[in-house]
Amino acid sequence: MNTLIFDLDGTLVDSLEDLAHTTNLVLEEYGFKTHELEKYRHFVGNGATKLIERALPDDHKDLVNEARARFDKLYALHCLDHTVPYPGMKKVIDDLKEAGYHLAVVTNKPKAHAVKIVKHLFPDTFEYVFGNTPYQPKKPDPTLVVLAMNLMDVSKHDVFYVGDSDVDIQTAINAKVKSIGCSWGFRGKAELLKAGANFVVDHPHEIKEIIDDRRK
């Protein structure tokens, strides 16, 4: 095992407050009711368009594309207001990098926002950062995970995909790689176990312990 591909939101970074705040700003501009922070745990995970669709009132779903465009502009300004790595994650990523592991990010977050966050919070660490664009399907489609593996020239047998939701576990299954679920993320341990995660961890240091053990 020499490669880890990570989800971003809810896995590497706690971004829920910034995602919720930005979406609520959009809703306020339309005069719609906003949502409490905890509700956003179940709004995120399938990309920005789905986030906006879930947040909009049922009788205003026709505004999804317009509201999504506004979200993108506002989120570019607010995506690093409160978003930080989960406790212990920065050290684990630095240790994995120093140990020679291949590292990449594959997320459903729009690519521009993903790259900005990763470069700021984990500078010079990940070989590739793939986010959502109009040209590739979103997870759980495995296209971007497979692309990352091909670019890093690694076998699927050498890869763990690390994420915090059932979407991430299904992505790993579709890519035919092993999965590590992060219980500290947006969805929790029960969802990860139900989805079929190979491992579920409660602290970032356990990620390195698992992969080091498999490498022996």
C-alpha atoms as a PDB file:
ATOM      1  CA  MET A   1       0.000   0.000   0.000  1.00  0.00           C
ATOM      2  CA  ASN A   2       1.689   3.182  -1.163  1.00  0.00           C
ATOM      3  CA  THR A   3      -1.113   5.580  -2.110  1.00  0.00           C
ATOM      4  CA  LEU A   4      -3.906   7.471  -0.361  1.00  0.00           C
ATOM      5  CA  ILE A   5      -6.578   9.451  -2.184  1.00  0.00           C
ATOM      6  CA  PHE A   6      -8.641  11.703   0.062  1.00  0.00           C
ATOM      7  CA  ASP A   7     -12.027  13.313  -0.012  1.00  0.00           C
ATOM      8  CA  LEU A   8     -11.830  16.945   1.154  1.00  0.00           C
ATOM      9  CA  ASP A   9     -14.885  18.255   3.033  1.00  0.00           C
ATOM     10  CA  GLY A  10     -15.543  16.298   6.213  1.00  0.00           C
ATOM     11  CA  THR A  11     -12.361  14.269   5.743  1.00  0.00           C
ATOM     12  CA  LEU A  12      -9.326  16.523   5.511  1.00  0.00           C
ATOM     13  CA  VAL A  13     -11.022  19.770   6.523  1.00  0.00           C
ATOM     14  CA  ASP A  14     -13.987  20.934   8.552  1.00  0.00           C
ATOM     15  CA  SER A  15     -15.636  23.238   6.048  1.00  0.00           C
ATOM     16  CA  LEU A  16     -19.254  22.904   7.140  1.00  0.00           C
ATOM     17  CA  GLU A  17     -19.550  26.374   8.669  1.00  0.00           C
ATOM     18  CA  ASP A  18     -18.309  28.131   5.529  1.00  0.00           C
ATOM     19  CA  LEU A  19     -20.504  26.015   3.252  1.00  0.00           C
ATOM     20  CA  ALA A  20     -23.545  26.667   5.425  1.00  0.00           C
ATOM     21  CA  HIS A  21     -22.833  30.374   5.830  1.00  0.00           C
ATOM     22  CA  THR A  22     -22.366  30.919   2.104  1.00  0.00           C
ATOM     23  CA  THR A  23     -25.504  28.988   1.196  1.00  0.00           C
ATOM     24  CA  ASN A  24     -27.482  30.913   3.783  1.00  0.00           C
ATOM     25  CA  LEU A  25     -26.194  34.182   2.300  1.00  0.00           C
ATOM     26  CA  VAL A  26     -27.609  33.091  -1.054  1.00  0.00           C
ATOM     27  CA  LEU A  27     -30.934  32.138   0.511  1.00  0.00           C
ATOM     28  CA  GLU A  28     -31.112  35.484   2.310  1.00  0.00           C
ATOM     29  CA  GLU A  29     -30.563  37.340  -0.964  1.00  0.00           C
ATOM     30  CA  TYR A  30     -33.684  35.637  -2.328  1.00  0.00           C
ATOM     31  CA  GLY A  31     -35.608  36.279   0.869  1.00  0.00           C
ATOM     32  CA  PHE A  32     -35.832  32.562   1.668  1.00  0.00           C
ATOM     33  CA  LYS A  33     -35.614  30.893   5.058  1.00  0.00           C
ATOM     34  CA  THR A  34     -32.102  29.831   6.057  1.00  0.00           C
ATOM     35  CA  HIS A  35     -31.061  26.529   7.669  1.00  0.00           C
ATOM     36  CA  GLU A  36     -29.282  25.628  10.886  1.00  0.00           C
ATOM     37  CA  LEU A  37     -25.692  24.399  10.658  1.00  0.00           C
ATOM     38  CA  GLU A  38     -26.482  20.782  11.536  1.00  0.00           C
ATOM     39  CA  LYS A  39     -28.932  20.459   8.663  1.00  0.00           C
ATOM     40  CA  TYR A  40     -26.087  21.082   6.224  1.00  0.00           C
ATOM     41  CA  ARG A  41     -24.431  17.804   7.249  1.00  0.00           C
ATOM     42  CA  HIS A  42     -27.007  16.096   5.057  1.00  0.00           C
ATOM     43  CA  PHE A  43     -27.049  18.739   2.338  1.00  0.00           C
ATOM     44  CA  VAL A  44     -23.369  18.345   1.404  1.00  0.00           C
ATOM     45  CA  GLY A  45     -21.523  15.458  -0.215  1.00  0.00           C
ATOM     46  CA  ASN A  46     -22.840  15.419  -3.772  1.00  0.00           C
ATOM     47  CA  GLY A  47     -21.437  18.666  -5.118  1.00  0.00           C
ATOM     48  CA  ALA A  48     -22.392  22.339  -4.967  1.00  0.00           C
ATOM     49  CA  THR A  49     -25.390  22.092  -7.285  1.00  0.00           C
ATOM     50  CA  LYS A  50     -26.976  19.381  -5.136  1.00  0.00           C
ATOM     51  CA  LEU A  51     -26.214  21.430  -2.019  1.00  0.00           C
ATOM     52  CA  ILE A  52     -28.094  24.403  -3.438  1.00  0.00           C
ATOM     53  CA  GLU A  53     -30.953  22.217  -4.653  1.00  0.00           C
ATOM     54  CA  ARG A  54     -31.392  20.719  -1.195  1.00  0.00           C
ATOM     55  CA  ALA A  55     -31.257  24.123   0.510  1.00  0.00           C
ATOM     56  CA  LEU A  56     -33.774  25.866  -1.740  1.00  0.00           C
ATOM     57  CA  PRO A  57     -37.485  25.763  -0.874  1.00  0.00           C
ATOM     58  CA  ASP A  58     -39.419  23.005  -2.619  1.00  0.00           C
ATOM     59  CA  ASP A  59     -41.345  25.475  -4.751  1.00  0.00           C
ATOM     60  CA  HIS A  60     -38.211  27.285  -5.963  1.00  0.00           C
ATOM     61  CA  LYS A  61     -36.034  24.468  -7.290  1.00  0.00           C
ATOM     62  CA  ASP A  62     -36.110  26.216 -10.668  1.00  0.00           C
ATOM     63  CA  LEU A  63     -33.571  28.679  -9.255  1.00  0.00           C
ATOM     64  CA  VAL A  64     -30.858  26.037  -8.755  1.00  0.00           C
ATOM     65  CA  ASN A  65     -28.530  27.101 -11.570  1.00  0.00           C
ATOM     66  CA  GLU A  66     -28.890  30.809 -10.865  1.00  0.00           C
ATOM     67  CA  ALA A  67     -28.379  30.329  -7.134  1.00  0.00           C
ATOM     68  CA  ARG A  68     -25.432  28.001  -7.752  1.00  0.00           C
ATOM     69  CA  ALA A  69     -23.679  30.711  -9.786  1.00  0.00           C
ATOM     70  CA  ARG A  70     -24.159  33.165  -6.937  1.00  0.00           C
ATOM     71  CA  PHE A  71     -22.917  30.584  -4.426  1.00  0.00           C
ATOM     72  CA  ASP A  72     -19.700  30.112  -6.419  1.00  0.00           C
ATOM     73  CA  LYS A  73     -18.926  33.832  -6.319  1.00  0.00           C
ATOM     74  CA  LEU A  74     -19.614  34.162  -2.602  1.00  0.00           C
ATOM     75  CA  TYR A  75     -17.878  30.942  -1.610  1.00  0.00           C
ATOM     76  CA  ALA A  76     -14.692  32.074  -3.348  1.00  0.00           C
ATOM     77  CA  LEU A  77     -14.656  34.929  -0.823  1.00  0.00           C
ATOM     78  CA  HIS A  78     -15.598  32.870   2.235  1.00  0.00           C
ATOM     79  CA  CYS A  79     -14.171  29.370   1.709  1.00  0.00           C
ATOM     80  CA  LEU A  80     -11.296  29.950   4.146  1.00  0.00           C
ATOM     81  CA  ASP A  81     -13.097  32.027   6.797  1.00  0.00           C
ATOM     82  CA  HIS A  82     -13.492  29.120   9.216  1.00  0.00           C
ATOM     83  CA  THR A  83     -12.333  26.075   7.254  1.00  0.00           C
ATOM     84  CA  VAL A  84      -9.423  24.289   8.946  1.00  0.00           C
ATOM     85  CA  PRO A  85      -7.852  20.818   8.931  1.00  0.00           C
ATOM     86  CA  TYR A  86      -9.327  18.456  11.479  1.00  0.00           C
ATOM     87  CA  PRO A  87      -7.171  18.165  14.636  1.00  0.00           C
ATOM     88  CA  GLY A  88      -4.156  15.971  13.937  1.00  0.00           C
ATOM     89  CA  MET A  89      -4.765  15.780  10.180  1.00  0.00           C
ATOM     90  CA  LYS A  90      -2.016  18.167   9.096  1.00  0.00           C
ATOM     91  CA  LYS A  91       0.610  16.139  10.987  1.00  0.00           C
ATOM     92  CA  VAL A  92      -0.631  12.866   9.523  1.00  0.00           C
ATOM     93  CA  ILE A  93      -0.520  14.231   5.980  1.00  0.00           C
ATOM     94  CA  ASP A  94       2.969  15.660   6.536  1.00  0.00           C
ATOM     95  CA  ASP A  95       4.147  12.322   7.992  1.00  0.00           C
ATOM     96  CA  LEU A  96       2.689  10.375   5.055  1.00  0.00           C
ATOM     97  CA  LYS A  97       4.357  12.733   2.595  1.00  0.00           C
ATOM     98  CA  GLU A  98       7.705  12.423   4.375  1.00  0.00           C
ATOM     99  CA  ALA A  99       7.375   8.626   4.392  1.00  0.00           C
ATOM    100  CA  GLY A 100       7.034   8.637   0.607  1.00  0.00           C
ATOM    101  CA  TYR A 101       3.358   7.855   0.142  1.00  0.00           C
ATOM    102  CA  HIS A 102       1.575   9.095  -2.972  1.00  0.00           C
ATOM    103  CA  LEU A 103      -1.157  11.556  -1.954  1.00  0.00           C
ATOM    104  CA  ALA A 104      -4.047  13.022  -3.946  1.00  0.00           C
ATOM    105  CA  VAL A 105      -7.450  14.644  -3.379  1.00  0.00           C
ATOM    106  CA  VAL A 106     -10.643  13.738  -5.247  1.00  0.00           C
ATOM    107  CA  THR A 107     -13.683  15.730  -4.164  1.00  0.00           C
ATOM    108  CA  ASN A 108     -17.099  16.746  -5.433  1.00  0.00           C
ATOM    109  CA  LYS A 109     -16.310  20.334  -4.416  1.00  0.00           C
ATOM    110  CA  PRO A 110     -15.833  22.613  -7.432  1.00  0.00           C
ATOM    111  CA  LYS A 111     -12.231  22.309  -8.581  1.00  0.00           C
ATOM    112  CA  ALA A 112     -11.268  25.980  -8.176  1.00  0.00           C
ATOM    113  CA  HIS A 113     -12.413  26.018  -4.553  1.00  0.00           C
ATOM    114  CA  ALA A 114     -10.801  22.662  -3.804  1.00  0.00           C
ATOM    115  CA  VAL A 115      -7.438  23.730  -5.200  1.00  0.00           C
ATOM    116  CA  LYS A 116      -7.545  27.018  -3.269  1.00  0.00           C
ATOM    117  CA  ILE A 117      -8.276  25.300   0.049  1.00  0.00           C
ATOM    118  CA  VAL A 118      -5.749  22.493  -0.375  1.00  0.00           C
ATOM    119  CA  LYS A 119      -2.946  24.805  -1.487  1.00  0.00           C
ATOM    120  CA  HIS A 120      -3.579  27.098   1.473  1.00  0.00           C
ATOM    121  CA  LEU A 121      -4.001  24.481   4.211  1.00  0.00           C
ATOM    122  CA  PHE A 122      -1.718  21.709   2.870  1.00  0.00           C
ATOM    123  CA  PRO A 123       0.921  23.498   0.761  1.00  0.00           C
ATOM    124  CA  ASP A 124       3.260  21.386  -1.391  1.00  0.00           C
ATOM    125  CA  THR A 125       1.750  18.127  -0.137  1.00  0.00           C
ATOM    126  CA  PHE A 126      -0.679  16.559  -2.614  1.00  0.00           C
ATOM    127  CA  GLU A 127       0.440  15.459  -6.061  1.00  0.00           C
ATOM    128  CA  TYR A 128      -2.985  16.030  -7.589  1.00  0.00           C
ATOM    129  CA  VAL A 129      -6.186  17.801  -6.559  1.00  0.00           C
ATOM    130  CA  PHE A 130      -9.286  16.904  -8.560  1.00  0.00           C
ATOM    131  CA  GLY A 131     -12.595  18.665  -8.013  1.00  0.00           C
ATOM    132  CA  ASN A 132     -15.849  18.833  -9.888  1.00  0.00           C
ATOM    133  CA  THR A 133     -15.900  20.419 -13.332  1.00  0.00           C
ATOM    134  CA  PRO A 134     -18.493  20.284 -16.132  1.00  0.00           C
ATOM    135  CA  TYR A 135     -16.327  17.719 -17.922  1.00  0.00           C
ATOM    136  CA  GLN A 136     -16.213  14.820 -15.451  1.00  0.00           C
ATOM    137  CA  PRO A 137     -18.913  12.952 -13.527  1.00  0.00           C
ATOM    138  CA  LYS A 138     -19.130  13.386  -9.763  1.00  0.00           C
ATOM    139  CA  LYS A 139     -18.453  10.720  -7.168  1.00  0.00           C
ATOM    140  CA  PRO A 140     -19.456   7.970  -6.636  1.00  0.00           C
ATOM    141  CA  ASP A 141     -18.422   7.663 -10.266  1.00  0.00           C
ATOM    142  CA  PRO A 142     -14.790   6.458 -10.062  1.00  0.00           C
ATOM    143  CA  THR A 143     -13.477   8.398 -13.080  1.00  0.00           C
ATOM    144  CA  LEU A 144     -11.346  10.910 -11.187  1.00  0.00           C
ATOM    145  CA  VAL A 145     -10.017   8.339  -8.719  1.00  0.00           C
ATOM    146  CA  VAL A 146      -8.943   6.142 -11.630  1.00  0.00           C
ATOM    147  CA  LEU A 147      -7.395   9.166 -13.350  1.00  0.00           C
ATOM    148  CA  ALA A 148      -5.403   9.995 -10.216  1.00  0.00           C
ATOM    149  CA  MET A 149      -4.170   6.404  -9.979  1.00  0.00           C
ATOM    150  CA  ASN A 150      -3.116   6.428 -13.621  1.00  0.00           C
ATOM    151  CA  LEU A 151      -1.253   9.717 -13.274  1.00  0.00           C
ATOM    152  CA  MET A 152       0.568   8.456 -10.182  1.00  0.00           C
ATOM    153  CA  ASP A 153       1.215   5.136 -11.946  1.00  0.00           C
ATOM    154  CA  VAL A 154      -0.089   3.002  -9.087  1.00  0.00           C
ATOM    155  CA  SER A 155      -2.117  -0.196  -9.011  1.00  0.00           C
ATOM    156  CA  LYS A 156      -5.614  -0.297  -7.545  1.00  0.00           C
ATOM    157  CA  HIS A 157      -4.269  -2.912  -5.114  1.00  0.00           C
ATOM    158  CA  ASP A 158      -1.948  -0.281  -3.611  1.00  0.00           C
ATOM    159  CA  VAL A 159      -4.589   2.402  -2.970  1.00  0.00           C
ATOM    160  CA  PHE A 160      -6.843   3.497  -0.129  1.00  0.00           C
ATOM    161  CA  TYR A 161      -9.620   6.003  -0.709  1.00  0.00           C
ATOM    162  CA  VAL A 162     -10.366   7.985   2.472  1.00  0.00           C
ATOM    163  CA  GLY A 163     -13.696   9.742   3.041  1.00  0.00           C
ATOM    164  CA  ASP A 164     -16.495  10.516   5.463  1.00  0.00           C
ATOM    165  CA  SER A 165     -19.725   9.511   3.685  1.00  0.00           C
ATOM    166  CA  ASP A 166     -21.496   6.691   1.904  1.00  0.00           C
ATOM    167  CA  VAL A 167     -20.707   8.483  -1.368  1.00  0.00           C
ATOM    168  CA  ASP A 168     -16.993   8.098  -0.624  1.00  0.00           C
ATOM    169  CA  ILE A 169     -17.254   4.430   0.281  1.00  0.00           C
ATOM    170  CA  GLN A 170     -19.228   3.725  -2.886  1.00  0.00           C
ATOM    171  CA  THR A 171     -16.580   5.618  -4.856  1.00  0.00           C
ATOM    172  CA  ALA A 172     -13.923   3.291  -3.464  1.00  0.00           C
ATOM    173  CA  ILE A 173     -16.042   0.248  -4.301  1.00  0.00           C
ATOM    174  CA  ASN A 174     -16.586   1.504  -7.855  1.00  0.00           C
ATOM    175  CA  ALA A 175     -12.852   2.163  -8.271  1.00  0.00           C
ATOM    176  CA  LYS A 176     -12.075  -1.285  -6.808  1.00  0.00           C
ATOM    177  CA  VAL A 177      -9.817   0.111  -4.080  1.00  0.00           C
ATOM    178  CA  LYS A 178      -9.870  -0.255  -0.302  1.00  0.00           C
ATOM    179  CA  SER A 179     -11.688   2.365   1.773  1.00  0.00           C
ATOM    180  CA  ILE A 180     -11.123   4.121   5.084  1.00  0.00           C
ATOM    181  CA  GLY A 181     -14.099   5.936   6.592  1.00  0.00           C
ATOM    182  CA  CYS A 182     -13.571   8.926   8.891  1.00  0.00           C
ATOM    183  CA  SER A 183     -16.092   9.015  11.721  1.00  0.00           C
ATOM    184  CA  TRP A 184     -15.330  12.667  12.570  1.00  0.00           C
ATOM    185  CA  GLY A 185     -16.819  13.895   9.289  1.00  0.00           C
ATOM    186  CA  PHE A 186     -20.244  15.100   8.281  1.00  0.00           C
ATOM    187  CA  ARG A 187     -22.109  11.770   8.284  1.00  0.00           C
ATOM    188  CA  GLY A 188     -20.764   9.605  11.138  1.00  0.00           C
ATOM    189  CA  LYS A 189     -19.680   6.023  11.766  1.00  0.00           C
ATOM    190  CA  ALA A 190     -23.039   4.290  11.277  1.00  0.00           C
ATOM    191  CA  GLU A 191     -23.371   5.495   7.683  1.00  0.00           C
ATOM    192  CA  LEU A 192     -19.806   4.423   6.881  1.00  0.00           C
ATOM    193  CA  LEU A 193     -20.262   0.937   8.295  1.00  0.00           C
ATOM    194  CA  LYS A 194     -23.573   0.495   6.519  1.00  0.00           C
ATOM    195  CA  ALA A 195     -21.943   1.566   3.247  1.00  0.00           C
ATOM    196  CA  GLY A 196     -19.311  -1.161   3.598  1.00  0.00           C
ATOM    197  CA  ALA A 197     -16.135   0.696   4.567  1.00  0.00           C
ATOM    198  CA  ASN A 198     -13.136  -1.614   4.919  1.00  0.00           C
ATOM    199  CA  PHE A 199     -11.962   0.408   7.923  1.00  0.00           C
ATOM    200  CA  VAL A 200     -13.504   3.170  10.032  1.00  0.00           C
ATOM    201  CA  VAL A 201     -11.223   5.429  12.079  1.00  0.00           C
ATOM    202  CA  ASP A 202     -11.933   7.874  14.895  1.00  0.00           C
ATOM    203  CA  HIS A 203      -8.698   9.889  14.718  1.00  0.00           C
ATOM    204  CA  PRO A 204      -6.424  10.857  11.812  1.00  0.00           C
ATOM    205  CA  HIS A 205      -3.379   9.053  13.237  1.00  0.00           C
ATOM    206  CA  GLU A 206      -5.222   5.751  12.754  1.00  0.00           C
ATOM    207  CA  ILE A 207      -5.067   6.270   8.980  1.00  0.00           C
ATOM    208  CA  LYS A 208      -1.283   6.037   9.001  1.00  0.00           C
ATOM    209  CA  GLU A 209      -1.368   3.078  11.376  1.00  0.00           C
ATOM    210  CA  ILE A 210      -3.647   1.147   9.012  1.00  0.00           C
ATOM    211  CA  ILE A 211      -1.634   1.807   5.883  1.00  0.00           C
ATOM    212  CA  ASP A 212       1.720   1.246   7.630  1.00  0.00           C
ATOM    213  CA  ASP A 213       0.452  -2.109   8.861  1.00  0.00           C
ATOM    214  CA  ARG A 214      -0.694  -3.104   5.370  1.00  0.00           C
ATOM    215  CA  ARG A 215       2.659  -2.073   3.933  1.00  0.00           C
ATOM    216  CA  LYS A 216       4.636  -4.474   6.137  1.00  0.00           C
END
